[in-house]
Amino acid sequence: MTQPATRNRPSRIATLATILFALSLAHPAATAGAQSPAPSDYTLIPAASRIPAADFLLTDLNGKKLTLSQFRGRIVLLDFWAVDCGGCKIEIPWYVAFDKAYRAQGLQLIGIDMYGETPEKVRPFMEKAGMTYPVAIGNDALGAQYHVESMPLTLLIDRDGRIALSHAGIVDRAKFEAALQQLLR
């Protein structure tokens, strides 16, 4: 005599109860009605846990040598962007404003165009946007070093050349600025 297949399987309710019980053992606040704080995309990586940002050698659109290491001692906002990137067009005015507001406090912006757009296409965009900081055309090797899989990708690099924050996608301007201000202290 065969038995129905469901007879030997635990009910969905029993399975769910087991999962919830296991979760409560692993994280008691999950079932105690308390909410544990969600990690923020804008929380700075603790200084002891930061990894060095890869140095690079590019030529900026003014023909000058551009390396990350030349800005050691400053906070670097490294922006991987492109003229034809919609999210980038939203962020760049914010970054231009950050540059004006915080340059004297030690902020250095660097823009890296990652679509391989020509300088003839990038320069007019920079001029219209008011970008007075160094901008270079990136390459696949640099994209691989920084794991640029989508844009915009923005990093904050501390005065010692270590990555303090990395954000893919459009930043929340206020939260990102608060993290930037914290690093500048």
C-alpha atoms as a PDB file:
ATOM      1  CA  MET A   1       0.000   0.000   0.000  1.00  0.00           C
ATOM      2  CA  THR A   2       1.401   3.393  -0.969  1.00  0.00           C
ATOM      3  CA  GLN A   3       0.940   6.485   1.064  1.00  0.00           C
ATOM      4  CA  PRO A   4       0.276   9.958  -0.258  1.00  0.00           C
ATOM      5  CA  ALA A   5       3.537  11.802  -0.917  1.00  0.00           C
ATOM      6  CA  THR A   6       2.594  14.612   1.435  1.00  0.00           C
ATOM      7  CA  ARG A   7       2.322  12.326   4.414  1.00  0.00           C
ATOM      8  CA  ASN A   8       6.072  11.914   4.900  1.00  0.00           C
ATOM      9  CA  ARG A   9       6.887  15.581   4.244  1.00  0.00           C
ATOM     10  CA  PRO A  10       6.582  18.210   6.951  1.00  0.00           C
ATOM     11  CA  SER A  11       3.824  20.701   6.410  1.00  0.00           C
ATOM     12  CA  ARG A  12       4.697  24.156   5.095  1.00  0.00           C
ATOM     13  CA  ILE A  13       3.751  25.628   8.458  1.00  0.00           C
ATOM     14  CA  ALA A  14       6.102  23.261  10.281  1.00  0.00           C
ATOM     15  CA  THR A  15       8.907  24.091   7.846  1.00  0.00           C
ATOM     16  CA  LEU A  16       8.329  27.822   8.266  1.00  0.00           C
ATOM     17  CA  ALA A  17       8.259  27.467  12.038  1.00  0.00           C
ATOM     18  CA  THR A  18      11.579  25.592  11.946  1.00  0.00           C
ATOM     19  CA  ILE A  19      13.162  28.301   9.794  1.00  0.00           C
ATOM     20  CA  LEU A  20      11.895  31.072  12.062  1.00  0.00           C
ATOM     21  CA  PHE A  21      13.139  29.231  15.122  1.00  0.00           C
ATOM     22  CA  ALA A  22      16.598  28.809  13.556  1.00  0.00           C
ATOM     23  CA  LEU A  23      16.671  32.497  12.654  1.00  0.00           C
ATOM     24  CA  SER A  24      15.734  33.470  16.194  1.00  0.00           C
ATOM     25  CA  LEU A  25      18.699  31.486  17.509  1.00  0.00           C
ATOM     26  CA  ALA A  26      21.044  33.088  15.018  1.00  0.00           C
ATOM     27  CA  HIS A  27      19.691  36.631  15.443  1.00  0.00           C
ATOM     28  CA  PRO A  28      17.487  37.085  18.537  1.00  0.00           C
ATOM     29  CA  ALA A  29      16.439  40.626  17.622  1.00  0.00           C
ATOM     30  CA  ALA A  30      14.785  39.321  14.460  1.00  0.00           C
ATOM     31  CA  THR A  31      11.932  37.800  16.454  1.00  0.00           C
ATOM     32  CA  ALA A  32      11.940  40.025  19.520  1.00  0.00           C
ATOM     33  CA  GLY A  33      10.168  42.870  17.778  1.00  0.00           C
ATOM     34  CA  ALA A  34      13.318  44.964  17.806  1.00  0.00           C
ATOM     35  CA  GLN A  35      14.666  46.211  14.537  1.00  0.00           C
ATOM     36  CA  SER A  36      18.352  45.884  14.039  1.00  0.00           C
ATOM     37  CA  PRO A  37      19.892  48.804  12.204  1.00  0.00           C
ATOM     38  CA  ALA A  38      20.290  48.217   8.493  1.00  0.00           C
ATOM     39  CA  PRO A  39      23.767  48.821   7.196  1.00  0.00           C
ATOM     40  CA  SER A  40      24.014  52.048   5.258  1.00  0.00           C
ATOM     41  CA  ASP A  41      25.511  52.282   1.800  1.00  0.00           C
ATOM     42  CA  TYR A  42      27.129  55.482   3.041  1.00  0.00           C
ATOM     43  CA  THR A  43      28.812  54.181   6.174  1.00  0.00           C
ATOM     44  CA  LEU A  44      32.553  54.658   5.875  1.00  0.00           C
ATOM     45  CA  ILE A  45      34.652  51.523   5.974  1.00  0.00           C
ATOM     46  CA  PRO A  46      36.514  51.505   9.316  1.00  0.00           C
ATOM     47  CA  ALA A  47      40.058  52.813   8.802  1.00  0.00           C
ATOM     48  CA  ALA A  48      41.680  49.545   9.897  1.00  0.00           C
ATOM     49  CA  SER A  49      39.654  47.604   7.291  1.00  0.00           C
ATOM     50  CA  ARG A  50      40.271  49.849   4.276  1.00  0.00           C
ATOM     51  CA  ILE A  51      42.219  48.487   1.339  1.00  0.00           C
ATOM     52  CA  PRO A  52      44.608  50.531  -0.785  1.00  0.00           C
ATOM     53  CA  ALA A  53      43.108  51.995  -3.944  1.00  0.00           C
ATOM     54  CA  ALA A  54      44.939  50.847  -7.054  1.00  0.00           C
ATOM     55  CA  ASP A  55      47.198  53.500  -8.483  1.00  0.00           C
ATOM     56  CA  PHE A  56      46.929  54.307 -12.170  1.00  0.00           C
ATOM     57  CA  LEU A  57      48.703  56.338 -14.791  1.00  0.00           C
ATOM     58  CA  LEU A  58      46.538  58.158 -17.308  1.00  0.00           C
ATOM     59  CA  THR A  59      46.783  61.366 -19.275  1.00  0.00           C
ATOM     60  CA  ASP A  60      44.056  63.853 -18.461  1.00  0.00           C
ATOM     61  CA  LEU A  61      42.239  65.818 -21.137  1.00  0.00           C
ATOM     62  CA  ASN A  62      44.670  68.718 -20.650  1.00  0.00           C
ATOM     63  CA  GLY A  63      47.579  66.450 -21.572  1.00  0.00           C
ATOM     64  CA  LYS A  64      48.928  66.182 -18.020  1.00  0.00           C
ATOM     65  CA  LYS A  65      50.055  62.983 -16.292  1.00  0.00           C
ATOM     66  CA  LEU A  66      47.348  61.822 -13.876  1.00  0.00           C
ATOM     67  CA  THR A  67      47.981  59.319 -11.083  1.00  0.00           C
ATOM     68  CA  LEU A  68      45.986  58.607  -7.981  1.00  0.00           C
ATOM     69  CA  SER A  69      49.131  58.662  -5.851  1.00  0.00           C
ATOM     70  CA  GLN A  70      49.864  62.307  -6.712  1.00  0.00           C
ATOM     71  CA  PHE A  71      46.890  63.238  -4.507  1.00  0.00           C
ATOM     72  CA  ARG A  72      48.064  61.359  -1.399  1.00  0.00           C
ATOM     73  CA  GLY A  73      47.215  63.497   1.629  1.00  0.00           C
ATOM     74  CA  ARG A  74      43.921  64.651   0.118  1.00  0.00           C
ATOM     75  CA  ILE A  75      40.475  63.034   0.156  1.00  0.00           C
ATOM     76  CA  VAL A  76      39.798  61.838  -3.399  1.00  0.00           C
ATOM     77  CA  LEU A  77      36.351  61.525  -4.907  1.00  0.00           C
ATOM     78  CA  LEU A  78      37.007  59.158  -7.810  1.00  0.00           C
ATOM     79  CA  ASP A  79      34.087  59.163 -10.222  1.00  0.00           C
ATOM     80  CA  PHE A  80      33.769  56.575 -12.993  1.00  0.00           C
ATOM     81  CA  TRP A  81      31.287  58.152 -15.390  1.00  0.00           C
ATOM     82  CA  ALA A  82      30.445  58.831 -19.031  1.00  0.00           C
ATOM     83  CA  VAL A  83      28.833  61.598 -21.056  1.00  0.00           C
ATOM     84  CA  ASP A  84      26.141  59.188 -22.240  1.00  0.00           C
ATOM     85  CA  CYS A  85      25.366  57.835 -18.743  1.00  0.00           C
ATOM     86  CA  GLY A  86      22.038  59.170 -17.451  1.00  0.00           C
ATOM     87  CA  GLY A  87      22.822  58.679 -13.753  1.00  0.00           C
ATOM     88  CA  CYS A  88      26.185  60.355 -14.237  1.00  0.00           C
ATOM     89  CA  LYS A  89      24.491  63.454 -15.625  1.00  0.00           C
ATOM     90  CA  ILE A  90      22.457  63.674 -12.419  1.00  0.00           C
ATOM     91  CA  GLU A  91      25.480  63.355 -10.117  1.00  0.00           C
ATOM     92  CA  ILE A  92      28.050  65.533 -11.843  1.00  0.00           C
ATOM     93  CA  PRO A  93      26.469  68.869 -10.821  1.00  0.00           C
ATOM     94  CA  TRP A  94      26.583  67.647  -7.210  1.00  0.00           C
ATOM     95  CA  TYR A  95      30.240  66.718  -7.550  1.00  0.00           C
ATOM     96  CA  VAL A  96      31.040  70.089  -9.113  1.00  0.00           C
ATOM     97  CA  ALA A  97      29.363  71.714  -6.083  1.00  0.00           C
ATOM     98  CA  PHE A  98      31.369  69.463  -3.707  1.00  0.00           C
ATOM     99  CA  ASP A  99      34.550  70.471  -5.528  1.00  0.00           C
ATOM    100  CA  LYS A 100      33.786  74.161  -5.008  1.00  0.00           C
ATOM    101  CA  ALA A 101      32.702  73.722  -1.394  1.00  0.00           C
ATOM    102  CA  TYR A 102      35.416  71.361  -0.127  1.00  0.00           C
ATOM    103  CA  ARG A 103      38.517  71.777  -2.302  1.00  0.00           C
ATOM    104  CA  ALA A 104      40.114  74.120   0.245  1.00  0.00           C
ATOM    105  CA  GLN A 105      39.465  71.508   2.974  1.00  0.00           C
ATOM    106  CA  GLY A 106      41.392  68.823   1.113  1.00  0.00           C
ATOM    107  CA  LEU A 107      38.981  67.322  -1.437  1.00  0.00           C
ATOM    108  CA  GLN A 108      40.271  66.317  -4.861  1.00  0.00           C
ATOM    109  CA  LEU A 109      37.891  65.140  -7.573  1.00  0.00           C
ATOM    110  CA  ILE A 110      38.999  62.912 -10.427  1.00  0.00           C
ATOM    111  CA  GLY A 111      36.661  61.938 -13.240  1.00  0.00           C
ATOM    112  CA  ILE A 112      37.308  58.873 -15.371  1.00  0.00           C
ATOM    113  CA  ASP A 113      35.157  58.528 -18.501  1.00  0.00           C
ATOM    114  CA  MET A 114      34.655  54.797 -18.933  1.00  0.00           C
ATOM    115  CA  TYR A 115      32.701  54.630 -22.210  1.00  0.00           C
ATOM    116  CA  GLY A 116      35.849  55.367 -24.191  1.00  0.00           C
ATOM    117  CA  GLU A 117      34.267  58.547 -25.475  1.00  0.00           C
ATOM    118  CA  THR A 118      36.593  60.852 -27.378  1.00  0.00           C
ATOM    119  CA  PRO A 119      38.080  63.967 -25.801  1.00  0.00           C
ATOM    120  CA  GLU A 120      36.157  65.949 -28.433  1.00  0.00           C
ATOM    121  CA  LYS A 121      32.933  64.612 -26.946  1.00  0.00           C
ATOM    122  CA  VAL A 122      33.972  64.886 -23.285  1.00  0.00           C
ATOM    123  CA  ARG A 123      35.437  68.417 -23.295  1.00  0.00           C
ATOM    124  CA  PRO A 124      32.220  70.259 -24.270  1.00  0.00           C
ATOM    125  CA  PHE A 125      30.309  68.296 -21.620  1.00  0.00           C
ATOM    126  CA  MET A 126      32.918  69.185 -18.983  1.00  0.00           C
ATOM    127  CA  GLU A 127      32.803  72.844 -19.935  1.00  0.00           C
ATOM    128  CA  LYS A 128      29.011  72.997 -19.831  1.00  0.00           C
ATOM    129  CA  ALA A 129      28.942  71.150 -16.468  1.00  0.00           C
ATOM    130  CA  GLY A 130      31.654  73.343 -14.934  1.00  0.00           C
ATOM    131  CA  MET A 131      34.029  70.435 -14.316  1.00  0.00           C
ATOM    132  CA  THR A 132      37.371  72.057 -13.459  1.00  0.00           C
ATOM    133  CA  TYR A 133      38.943  68.971 -11.929  1.00  0.00           C
ATOM    134  CA  PRO A 134      41.089  66.408 -13.791  1.00  0.00           C
ATOM    135  CA  VAL A 135      39.237  64.116 -16.177  1.00  0.00           C
ATOM    136  CA  ALA A 136      40.750  61.279 -18.195  1.00  0.00           C
ATOM    137  CA  ILE A 137      39.507  58.576 -20.511  1.00  0.00           C
ATOM    138  CA  GLY A 138      39.659  55.212 -18.759  1.00  0.00           C
ATOM    139  CA  ASN A 139      40.423  51.786 -20.156  1.00  0.00           C
ATOM    140  CA  ASP A 140      39.466  48.159 -19.573  1.00  0.00           C
ATOM    141  CA  ALA A 141      42.461  47.482 -17.332  1.00  0.00           C
ATOM    142  CA  LEU A 142      41.495  50.331 -14.986  1.00  0.00           C
ATOM    143  CA  GLY A 143      37.866  49.215 -15.059  1.00  0.00           C
ATOM    144  CA  ALA A 144      38.956  45.716 -14.029  1.00  0.00           C
ATOM    145  CA  GLN A 145      41.167  47.055 -11.215  1.00  0.00           C
ATOM    146  CA  TYR A 146      38.227  48.983  -9.759  1.00  0.00           C
ATOM    147  CA  HIS A 147      35.531  46.421 -10.622  1.00  0.00           C
ATOM    148  CA  VAL A 148      33.601  48.923 -12.742  1.00  0.00           C
ATOM    149  CA  GLU A 149      30.634  46.812 -13.796  1.00  0.00           C
ATOM    150  CA  SER A 150      28.082  49.608 -14.008  1.00  0.00           C
ATOM    151  CA  MET A 151      28.077  53.371 -13.821  1.00  0.00           C
ATOM    152  CA  PRO A 152      28.114  55.666 -12.161  1.00  0.00           C
ATOM    153  CA  LEU A 153      30.615  54.233  -9.705  1.00  0.00           C
ATOM    154  CA  THR A 154      31.967  56.625  -7.086  1.00  0.00           C
ATOM    155  CA  LEU A 155      34.682  56.028  -4.522  1.00  0.00           C
ATOM    156  CA  LEU A 156      35.896  58.094  -1.616  1.00  0.00           C
ATOM    157  CA  ILE A 157      39.576  57.508  -0.980  1.00  0.00           C
ATOM    158  CA  ASP A 158      41.105  58.612   2.311  1.00  0.00           C
ATOM    159  CA  ARG A 159      44.253  60.698   2.779  1.00  0.00           C
ATOM    160  CA  ASP A 160      46.339  57.516   2.955  1.00  0.00           C
ATOM    161  CA  GLY A 161      45.113  56.282  -0.432  1.00  0.00           C
ATOM    162  CA  ARG A 162      42.702  53.666   0.946  1.00  0.00           C
ATOM    163  CA  ILE A 163      39.100  53.117  -0.152  1.00  0.00           C
ATOM    164  CA  ALA A 164      36.761  54.494   2.508  1.00  0.00           C
ATOM    165  CA  LEU A 165      33.511  54.160   0.546  1.00  0.00           C
ATOM    166  CA  SER A 166      32.416  52.734  -2.783  1.00  0.00           C
ATOM    167  CA  HIS A 167      28.973  53.320  -4.265  1.00  0.00           C
ATOM    168  CA  ALA A 168      27.548  51.939  -7.510  1.00  0.00           C
ATOM    169  CA  GLY A 169      24.598  53.831  -8.956  1.00  0.00           C
ATOM    170  CA  ILE A 170      23.350  57.308  -8.239  1.00  0.00           C
ATOM    171  CA  VAL A 171      24.361  58.441  -4.770  1.00  0.00           C
ATOM    172  CA  ASP A 172      21.969  59.961  -2.269  1.00  0.00           C
ATOM    173  CA  ARG A 173      23.426  63.454  -2.333  1.00  0.00           C
ATOM    174  CA  ALA A 174      22.850  64.327   1.326  1.00  0.00           C
ATOM    175  CA  LYS A 175      24.094  60.991   2.700  1.00  0.00           C
ATOM    176  CA  PHE A 176      27.099  60.958   0.402  1.00  0.00           C
ATOM    177  CA  GLU A 177      27.994  64.528   1.335  1.00  0.00           C
ATOM    178  CA  ALA A 178      27.737  63.643   5.033  1.00  0.00           C
ATOM    179  CA  ALA A 179      30.190  60.748   4.501  1.00  0.00           C
ATOM    180  CA  LEU A 180      32.482  63.088   2.596  1.00  0.00           C
ATOM    181  CA  GLN A 181      32.368  65.668   5.381  1.00  0.00           C
ATOM    182  CA  GLN A 182      33.186  62.965   7.917  1.00  0.00           C
ATOM    183  CA  LEU A 183      36.292  61.985   5.941  1.00  0.00           C
ATOM    184  CA  LEU A 184      37.397  65.615   5.624  1.00  0.00           C
ATOM    185  CA  ARG A 185      37.448  66.092   9.422  1.00  0.00           C
END
